[in-house]
Structures are given as C-alpha cells and as structure tokens.
Protein backbone atom coordinates (compact mmCIF):
# COMPACT_ATOMS: atom_id res chain seq x y z
CA UNK A 1 -76.03 -80.85 -30.70
CA UNK A 2 -72.78 -82.50 -31.05
CA UNK A 3 -74.27 -85.85 -31.91
CA UNK A 4 -76.48 -84.28 -34.36
CA UNK A 5 -74.14 -82.33 -35.71
CA UNK A 6 -72.21 -85.42 -36.69
CA UNK A 7 -75.04 -87.39 -38.09
CA UNK A 8 -75.67 -84.72 -40.29
CA UNK A 9 -72.42 -84.99 -41.70
CA UNK A 10 -72.24 -88.68 -42.12
CA UNK A 11 -75.38 -88.64 -44.13
CA UNK A 12 -74.42 -85.60 -46.30
CA UNK A 13 -70.83 -86.41 -47.11
CA UNK A 14 -69.22 -90.17 -48.05
CA UNK A 15 -67.25 -92.04 -45.06
CA UNK A 16 -63.76 -91.10 -47.23
CA UNK A 17 -64.93 -87.19 -47.25
CA UNK A 18 -63.35 -85.01 -43.97
CA UNK A 19 -66.33 -83.77 -42.42
CA UNK A 20 -65.80 -80.28 -42.83
CA UNK A 21 -65.07 -80.15 -46.69
CA UNK A 22 -68.81 -79.01 -47.44
CA UNK A 23 -68.76 -75.69 -44.97
CA UNK A 24 -64.96 -75.53 -45.38
CA UNK A 25 -66.57 -74.71 -49.22
CA UNK A 26 -69.09 -72.19 -47.61
CA UNK A 27 -66.70 -70.68 -46.22
CA UNK A 28 -64.31 -70.43 -48.82
CA UNK A 29 -66.85 -69.60 -50.69
CA UNK A 30 -67.40 -66.04 -48.24
CA UNK A 31 -63.68 -65.23 -49.02
CA UNK A 32 -63.14 -65.60 -52.31
CA UNK A 33 -66.30 -63.91 -53.12
CA UNK A 34 -66.76 -60.97 -51.01
CA UNK A 35 -66.70 -57.65 -52.66
CA UNK A 36 -65.40 -54.75 -50.70
CA UNK A 37 -67.80 -51.90 -51.48
CA UNK A 38 -66.89 -48.71 -48.62
CA UNK A 39 -64.35 -48.15 -46.22
CA UNK A 40 -64.76 -51.04 -43.73
CA UNK A 41 -67.52 -52.72 -45.71
CA UNK A 42 -67.27 -55.62 -47.24
CA UNK A 43 -69.89 -57.44 -48.56
CA UNK A 44 -70.14 -61.65 -48.38
CA UNK A 45 -72.39 -64.10 -51.40
CA UNK A 46 -75.53 -64.68 -48.81
CA UNK A 47 -77.41 -66.76 -51.23
CA UNK A 48 -75.75 -70.48 -51.64
CA UNK A 49 -76.96 -73.57 -53.29
CA UNK A 50 -75.87 -76.95 -52.30
CA UNK A 51 -75.80 -79.55 -54.96
CA UNK A 52 -75.49 -83.09 -53.50
CA UNK A 53 -75.89 -86.29 -55.20
CA UNK A 54 -79.28 -87.59 -55.29
CA UNK A 55 -78.73 -90.34 -52.64
CA UNK A 56 -76.97 -87.90 -50.30
CA UNK A 57 -80.12 -85.32 -50.80
CA UNK A 58 -83.20 -87.68 -50.65
CA UNK A 59 -81.14 -88.91 -47.21
CA UNK A 60 -80.67 -85.14 -45.61
CA UNK A 61 -84.04 -84.25 -46.93
CA UNK A 62 -85.51 -87.07 -45.24
CA UNK A 63 -84.11 -85.87 -41.66
CA UNK A 64 -86.35 -84.73 -39.43
CA UNK A 65 -83.83 -82.03 -37.82
CA UNK A 66 -83.27 -79.60 -41.36
CA UNK A 67 -79.38 -79.17 -42.07
CA UNK A 68 -79.50 -75.90 -43.84
CA UNK A 69 -79.98 -73.13 -40.40
CA UNK A 70 -76.64 -75.04 -38.70
CA UNK A 71 -74.61 -74.38 -42.23
CA UNK A 72 -75.93 -71.04 -42.25
CA UNK A 73 -75.17 -69.98 -38.43
CA UNK A 74 -71.83 -71.34 -39.16
CA UNK A 75 -71.73 -69.02 -42.59
CA UNK A 76 -72.92 -66.09 -40.20
CA UNK A 77 -70.65 -66.91 -37.61
CA UNK A 78 -67.72 -66.39 -40.02
CA UNK A 79 -68.46 -63.47 -41.48
CA UNK A 80 -68.79 -61.97 -38.31
CA UNK A 81 -65.15 -63.15 -37.40
CA UNK A 82 -64.15 -61.54 -40.48
CA UNK A 83 -66.19 -59.08 -40.58
CA UNK A 84 -68.36 -59.03 -43.84
CA UNK A 85 -71.65 -57.91 -44.08
CA UNK A 86 -74.55 -59.43 -45.91
CA UNK A 87 -76.98 -57.49 -48.11
CA UNK A 88 -79.97 -59.86 -46.94
CA UNK A 89 -80.31 -62.94 -44.64
CA UNK A 90 -78.15 -66.11 -45.55
CA UNK A 91 -80.03 -68.63 -47.21
CA UNK A 92 -78.75 -71.96 -48.36
CA UNK A 93 -81.16 -74.33 -50.63
CA UNK A 94 -80.10 -77.51 -50.39
CA UNK A 95 -80.60 -79.13 -54.26
CA UNK A 96 -79.87 -82.92 -55.99
CA UNK A 97 -77.61 -82.55 -58.58
CA UNK A 98 -79.32 -81.85 -61.98
CA UNK A 99 -77.38 -84.99 -63.84
CA UNK A 100 -75.49 -88.01 -62.88
CA UNK A 101 -71.82 -86.49 -61.76
CA UNK A 102 -69.10 -88.29 -59.88
CA UNK A 103 -68.29 -84.95 -58.07
CA UNK A 104 -70.23 -85.54 -54.41
CA UNK A 105 -71.48 -81.79 -53.95
CA UNK A 106 -71.14 -78.64 -55.39
CA UNK A 107 -71.44 -74.75 -53.73
CA UNK A 108 -72.49 -71.98 -55.84
CA UNK A 109 -72.91 -68.62 -54.07
CA UNK A 110 -74.07 -64.87 -55.09
CA UNK A 111 -75.01 -61.96 -53.31
CA UNK A 112 -78.58 -61.66 -53.58
CA UNK A 113 -79.46 -57.65 -53.18
CA UNK A 114 -81.12 -55.52 -50.81
CA UNK A 115 -84.96 -56.08 -51.08
CA UNK A 116 -86.61 -52.99 -53.13
CA UNK A 117 -83.14 -53.12 -55.28
CA UNK A 118 -84.23 -56.36 -57.21
CA UNK A 119 -85.01 -55.39 -61.23
C-alpha cells in the first residue's frame, strides 16, 4: 500500500511539490468550509473537485489503481477525528484544468445536500 501511495503522489504532484500538499488542501477545505448546524453537529464538505494540469490528469487517469478512493478515505478519517459529519458520502472528482495554467492543482469543495433535499 505504501508503494502504491508513493507512486500515486509522484504522478499527481510535481517533483518539487511536497507529497501531502493535495491531501492537505482537501483537509483544509473540510476545516475552513465546515458548518455548525446544531449542538454537537458540524457538517463538512463532501463533494470535492480536484483540477489537475492535463498531463498530471492523464497520468492519474491511466493508472490501474484509482486515486480517489484513497483520498476519500483520508478525508473520512480526518472528519472522524474532528467529529465532522457529512450530508452524503464523500465524492472526489479529478478533472483536467479547463485552461493552460501555471497552477499545479486547484481544489473546489461544497456540501452536497442529502438525497431528497435537492432542488
């Protein structure tokens, strides 16, 4: 598992970038965008989009081992440690950046409503 994780991060991030930066950004999104909805209930974002440079996206998409389940597991673990809840299961979508940008990756997050509450 450790070899796979290391390999995944090498593909996902440039050599100059710290391996945990993308994951740290996901966890920071949880912390910064969590909502207090009641006594002892904090809801964290559960829908994430990670925009990657097209080359990095192609490498990860071509990998036989999907990266998103491992990332979602880390988000769920962090949420459990912080006593956050989710409105729905955690979903992470990897997409290529829509334009040619110098940014290695961008993370967008939101709280996707529970089923039956969508309009």
